[in-house]
Amino acid sequence: METKNVKDTLLERVSIRRYEREAIPEEKMQFIFDAIRNTPTSYNGQQFSVIDISDQPLKEQLYELTNQKQLKTCNRLLIFCSDYNKISLLAQKKGLEVPAITDTMDGVVIGIIDASLAMMSAVVAAESVGLGTNCVGYLRTVDPAKVAELLKLPKGVFVVCGLAIGVPREHPDLKPKQPVEAVVFRNCYQQDEALLTEQLGAYDREVSEYNLHRAGGTSTNDWVAHILGYYDHATKYRILDYLKDQGYDVKR
């Protein structure tokens, strides 16, 4: 199984939303699973799990909820979840008391970080063997209760993000990212707000120019107003209610 070098894998990654019907060889999927398993996690607690979806009707049900076409056109859909159910099961069998970690914000964050790191392991592994990927955060927010029902999630488990994987049918342009000076700060957070604002303004203009000329559909979107639109939509989500339904009663 040939793989791309690390530099090309990381720096040439783009989000793929159209896939060939071609199946992914099991050797490649096993490589992705092995990369997921070796993900660094908090305490080595491995507070995550992954649901591998190859069932087309289920993928189409999730597509109907989200209207994200990559969910039904991908060959495999991986759902990354925060998971305290597994350790609770073994603790119960061994007669051990489980601290109320799911009632804390840190407990929520730990599971999200573990699942997110695992997803990035999967992205890098898949991209390195020539597959395309697309991270789908909308699975977390579109209808959490319905998604939990479809995936039969027990208490202590909630969806963090989905990852569509398949043989690419498209090759989108590489999106511009913030300059390294606006991302990596030396020893402390950037103290020169005027400089940071100037750098972000230049990036905002770069995104506008990219969207005006990109292949596969142009737009007049900038960066800042476009992202704030997403934030505004996100303020309407009721994720805390969903977390309570899944056994997380965050108090502190």
Protein backbone atom coordinates (compact mmCIF):
# COMPACT_ATOMS: atom_id res chain seq x y z
CA MET A 1 0.00 0.00 0.00
CA GLU A 2 1.65 3.21 -1.19
CA THR A 3 1.39 6.36 0.91
CA LYS A 4 2.14 10.03 0.27
CA ASN A 5 4.82 11.73 2.31
CA VAL A 6 3.79 13.61 5.44
CA LYS A 7 4.39 17.07 3.95
CA ASP A 8 2.16 16.52 0.92
CA THR A 9 -0.49 14.79 3.01
CA LEU A 10 -0.79 17.70 5.43
CA LEU A 11 -0.23 20.68 3.15
CA GLU A 12 -2.24 19.56 0.11
CA ARG A 13 -5.37 18.47 1.98
CA VAL A 14 -8.67 19.79 0.66
CA SER A 15 -12.28 18.96 1.57
CA ILE A 16 -13.87 16.52 -0.88
CA ARG A 17 -17.65 16.44 -1.29
CA ARG A 18 -17.98 14.33 -4.46
CA TYR A 19 -16.81 10.72 -4.55
CA GLU A 20 -16.54 7.87 -7.03
CA ARG A 21 -18.71 4.80 -6.44
CA GLU A 22 -15.53 2.77 -6.05
CA ALA A 23 -15.22 0.85 -2.79
CA ILE A 24 -12.34 1.50 -0.40
CA PRO A 25 -10.04 -1.52 -0.05
CA GLU A 26 -10.24 -3.03 3.42
CA GLU A 27 -6.46 -2.74 3.72
CA LYS A 28 -6.81 1.05 3.59
CA MET A 29 -9.70 1.08 6.05
CA GLN A 30 -7.70 -1.07 8.47
CA PHE A 31 -4.83 1.40 8.22
CA ILE A 32 -7.24 4.23 9.06
CA PHE A 33 -8.63 2.27 12.02
CA ASP A 34 -5.12 1.53 13.31
CA ALA A 35 -4.24 5.23 13.08
CA ILE A 36 -7.40 6.06 15.02
CA ARG A 37 -6.56 3.54 17.73
CA ASN A 38 -3.09 5.05 18.19
CA THR A 39 -4.44 8.57 18.75
CA PRO A 40 -3.10 10.36 21.86
CA THR A 41 -5.87 10.84 24.44
CA SER A 42 -6.32 12.36 27.88
CA TYR A 43 -4.90 10.01 30.55
CA ASN A 44 -4.84 7.28 27.86
CA GLY A 45 -8.49 7.03 28.84
CA GLN A 46 -9.51 6.88 25.17
CA GLN A 47 -12.74 8.75 25.83
CA PHE A 48 -14.05 8.30 22.30
CA SER A 49 -15.53 5.77 19.92
CA VAL A 50 -16.16 5.66 16.17
CA ILE A 51 -19.16 4.38 14.25
CA ASP A 52 -18.20 3.14 10.78
CA ILE A 53 -21.19 3.48 8.44
CA SER A 54 -21.23 1.64 5.13
CA ASP A 55 -25.00 1.05 5.06
CA GLN A 56 -26.36 3.20 2.22
CA PRO A 57 -29.93 3.62 3.57
CA LEU A 58 -28.52 4.89 6.88
CA LYS A 59 -26.20 7.31 5.08
CA GLU A 60 -29.19 8.59 3.09
CA GLN A 61 -31.21 9.09 6.28
CA LEU A 62 -28.40 11.22 7.65
CA TYR A 63 -28.24 13.09 4.34
CA GLU A 64 -31.97 13.85 4.55
CA LEU A 65 -31.40 15.42 7.96
CA THR A 66 -28.42 17.54 6.94
CA ASN A 67 -28.70 18.05 3.16
CA GLN A 68 -24.94 17.39 3.05
CA LYS A 69 -24.49 15.43 -0.18
CA GLN A 70 -21.12 13.99 0.84
CA LEU A 71 -22.89 11.86 3.45
CA LYS A 72 -24.65 9.79 0.79
CA THR A 73 -21.96 9.84 -1.91
CA CYS A 74 -19.02 8.81 0.29
CA ASN A 75 -18.09 5.15 0.51
CA ARG A 76 -17.63 5.18 4.29
CA LEU A 77 -18.91 7.59 6.89
CA LEU A 78 -17.14 7.62 10.25
CA ILE A 79 -18.95 9.21 13.20
CA PHE A 80 -16.61 10.28 16.01
CA CYS A 81 -18.19 10.34 19.45
CA SER A 82 -17.25 11.35 22.96
CA ASP A 83 -17.67 8.18 24.99
CA TYR A 84 -17.79 7.55 28.74
CA ASN A 85 -20.07 4.54 28.35
CA LYS A 86 -17.28 2.02 27.80
CA ILE A 87 -15.34 2.82 30.93
CA SER A 88 -18.59 2.97 32.93
CA LEU A 89 -19.52 -0.55 31.80
CA LEU A 90 -16.24 -2.05 32.96
CA ALA A 91 -16.26 -0.03 36.18
CA GLN A 92 -19.73 -1.36 36.96
CA LYS A 93 -18.61 -4.94 36.33
CA LYS A 94 -15.63 -4.48 38.66
CA GLY A 95 -17.70 -2.75 41.34
CA LEU A 96 -15.96 0.60 40.94
CA GLU A 97 -17.64 3.96 41.42
CA VAL A 98 -17.45 6.32 38.44
CA PRO A 99 -16.75 9.95 39.45
CA ALA A 100 -19.27 12.46 38.09
CA ILE A 101 -16.94 13.46 35.25
CA THR A 102 -19.85 13.90 32.83
CA ASP A 103 -21.29 16.58 35.12
CA THR A 104 -18.25 18.78 34.53
CA MET A 105 -17.34 21.01 31.59
CA ASP A 106 -13.86 19.51 31.64
CA GLY A 107 -15.36 16.07 31.17
CA VAL A 108 -17.22 17.28 28.10
CA VAL A 109 -14.09 18.93 26.73
CA ILE A 110 -11.95 15.82 27.31
CA GLY A 111 -14.27 13.67 25.21
CA ILE A 112 -14.48 16.29 22.46
CA ILE A 113 -10.69 16.65 22.31
CA ASP A 114 -10.15 12.88 22.21
CA ALA A 115 -12.71 12.39 19.45
CA SER A 116 -11.33 15.35 17.47
CA LEU A 117 -7.76 14.08 17.69
CA ALA A 118 -8.96 10.66 16.55
CA MET A 119 -10.72 12.25 13.57
CA MET A 120 -7.57 14.10 12.57
CA SER A 121 -5.64 10.82 12.74
CA ALA A 122 -8.22 9.37 10.36
CA VAL A 123 -8.00 12.38 8.02
CA VAL A 124 -4.22 12.14 7.75
CA ALA A 125 -4.27 8.36 7.29
CA ALA A 126 -6.98 8.50 4.62
CA GLU A 127 -5.38 11.37 2.72
CA SER A 128 -1.98 9.65 2.79
CA VAL A 129 -3.35 6.66 0.86
CA GLY A 130 -5.04 8.77 -1.81
CA LEU A 131 -8.53 8.99 -0.37
CA GLY A 132 -10.60 12.16 -0.01
CA THR A 133 -12.23 13.31 3.22
CA ASN A 134 -14.72 15.86 4.48
CA CYS A 135 -15.41 16.71 8.13
CA VAL A 136 -19.14 17.22 8.79
CA GLY A 137 -19.80 19.05 12.03
CA TYR A 138 -23.47 19.56 11.17
CA LEU A 139 -24.15 15.97 12.26
CA ARG A 140 -23.53 17.19 15.81
CA THR A 141 -26.11 19.98 15.69
CA VAL A 142 -28.75 19.38 13.01
CA ASP A 143 -31.01 17.13 15.11
CA PRO A 144 -28.93 15.60 17.93
CA ALA A 145 -31.73 13.47 19.36
CA LYS A 146 -32.61 11.97 15.97
CA VAL A 147 -28.97 11.26 15.12
CA ALA A 148 -28.51 9.62 18.53
CA GLU A 149 -31.60 7.49 17.84
CA LEU A 150 -30.38 6.43 14.39
CA LEU A 151 -26.96 5.51 15.74
CA LYS A 152 -28.39 3.91 18.92
CA LEU A 153 -26.11 5.91 21.19
CA PRO A 154 -26.24 4.91 24.88
CA LYS A 155 -25.99 7.32 27.79
CA GLY A 156 -22.52 8.81 28.11
CA VAL A 157 -22.03 9.05 24.33
CA PHE A 158 -22.63 11.99 21.98
CA VAL A 159 -21.61 12.86 18.43
CA VAL A 160 -18.67 15.22 18.00
CA CYS A 161 -18.19 15.15 14.21
CA GLY A 162 -18.64 13.02 11.11
CA LEU A 163 -15.99 12.20 8.50
CA ALA A 164 -16.91 11.29 4.93
CA ILE A 165 -14.27 9.16 3.18
CA GLY A 166 -14.07 7.96 -0.41
CA VAL A 167 -12.23 7.97 -3.72
CA PRO A 168 -12.28 11.62 -4.86
CA ARG A 169 -14.33 12.63 -7.90
CA GLU A 170 -13.25 16.26 -7.66
CA HIS A 171 -10.11 18.24 -6.94
CA PRO A 172 -11.10 21.60 -5.43
CA ASP A 173 -8.78 24.56 -5.16
CA LEU A 174 -6.80 24.80 -1.94
CA LYS A 175 -8.50 27.34 0.32
CA PRO A 176 -6.40 30.18 1.72
CA LYS A 177 -5.68 29.99 5.44
CA GLN A 178 -4.69 32.66 7.93
CA PRO A 179 -1.00 33.63 7.73
CA VAL A 180 1.28 31.89 10.19
CA GLU A 181 1.86 35.22 12.00
CA ALA A 182 -1.85 35.35 12.84
CA VAL A 183 -1.93 31.74 14.02
CA VAL A 184 1.36 31.04 15.81
CA PHE A 185 2.36 33.56 18.48
CA ARG A 186 5.71 33.64 20.28
CA ASN A 187 5.70 32.98 24.04
CA CYS A 188 2.40 34.82 24.65
CA TYR A 189 -0.72 35.92 22.79
CA GLN A 190 -0.15 38.67 20.21
CA GLN A 191 -0.13 41.97 22.11
CA ASP A 192 -0.21 44.25 19.05
CA GLU A 193 -3.94 44.27 18.27
CA ALA A 194 -3.50 46.74 15.40
CA LEU A 195 -0.99 44.44 13.69
CA LEU A 196 -3.18 41.37 14.24
CA THR A 197 -6.23 43.20 12.89
CA GLU A 198 -4.24 44.29 9.83
CA GLN A 199 -3.10 40.71 9.17
CA LEU A 200 -6.65 39.41 9.52
CA GLY A 201 -7.95 42.15 7.23
CA ALA A 202 -5.46 41.12 4.54
CA TYR A 203 -6.59 37.53 4.97
CA ASP A 204 -10.24 38.58 4.72
CA ARG A 205 -9.50 40.23 1.36
CA GLU A 206 -7.61 37.14 0.20
CA VAL A 207 -10.63 34.94 0.98
CA SER A 208 -12.92 37.33 -0.94
CA GLU A 209 -10.62 37.16 -3.96
CA TYR A 210 -10.46 33.36 -3.74
CA ASN A 211 -14.26 33.04 -3.60
CA LEU A 212 -14.66 35.29 -6.64
CA HIS A 213 -12.45 33.09 -8.81
CA ARG A 214 -12.46 29.58 -7.34
CA ALA A 215 -13.28 26.57 -9.47
CA GLY A 216 -16.59 24.79 -8.92
CA GLY A 217 -18.74 27.81 -8.04
CA THR A 218 -17.96 31.39 -7.08
CA SER A 219 -19.42 33.67 -4.41
CA THR A 220 -19.00 37.12 -2.92
CA ASN A 221 -18.32 35.78 0.57
CA ASP A 222 -15.56 37.30 2.65
CA TRP A 223 -14.19 35.54 5.74
CA VAL A 224 -15.33 37.50 8.77
CA ALA A 225 -18.98 38.24 7.90
CA HIS A 226 -19.46 34.75 6.46
CA ILE A 227 -18.18 33.06 9.63
CA LEU A 228 -20.19 35.38 11.88
CA GLY A 229 -23.26 34.20 9.98
CA TYR A 230 -22.44 30.66 11.08
CA TYR A 231 -21.98 31.86 14.66
CA ASP A 232 -25.38 33.54 14.59
CA HIS A 233 -27.01 30.32 13.40
CA ALA A 234 -25.15 28.33 16.06
CA THR A 235 -26.58 30.46 18.88
CA LYS A 236 -29.92 28.77 18.23
CA TYR A 237 -28.64 25.25 18.93
CA ARG A 238 -29.73 23.62 22.20
CA ILE A 239 -26.75 21.34 22.70
CA LEU A 240 -26.86 21.51 26.49
CA ASP A 241 -30.36 20.01 26.47
CA TYR A 242 -29.13 17.23 24.20
CA LEU A 243 -26.14 16.53 26.44
CA LYS A 244 -28.49 16.15 29.40
CA ASP A 245 -30.52 13.62 27.40
CA GLN A 246 -27.27 11.69 26.84
CA GLY A 247 -26.42 11.62 30.53
CA TYR A 248 -24.27 14.75 30.83
CA ASP A 249 -25.53 17.10 33.57
CA VAL A 250 -22.94 19.87 33.39
CA LYS A 251 -22.79 21.86 36.63
CA ARG A 252 -19.23 23.18 36.75
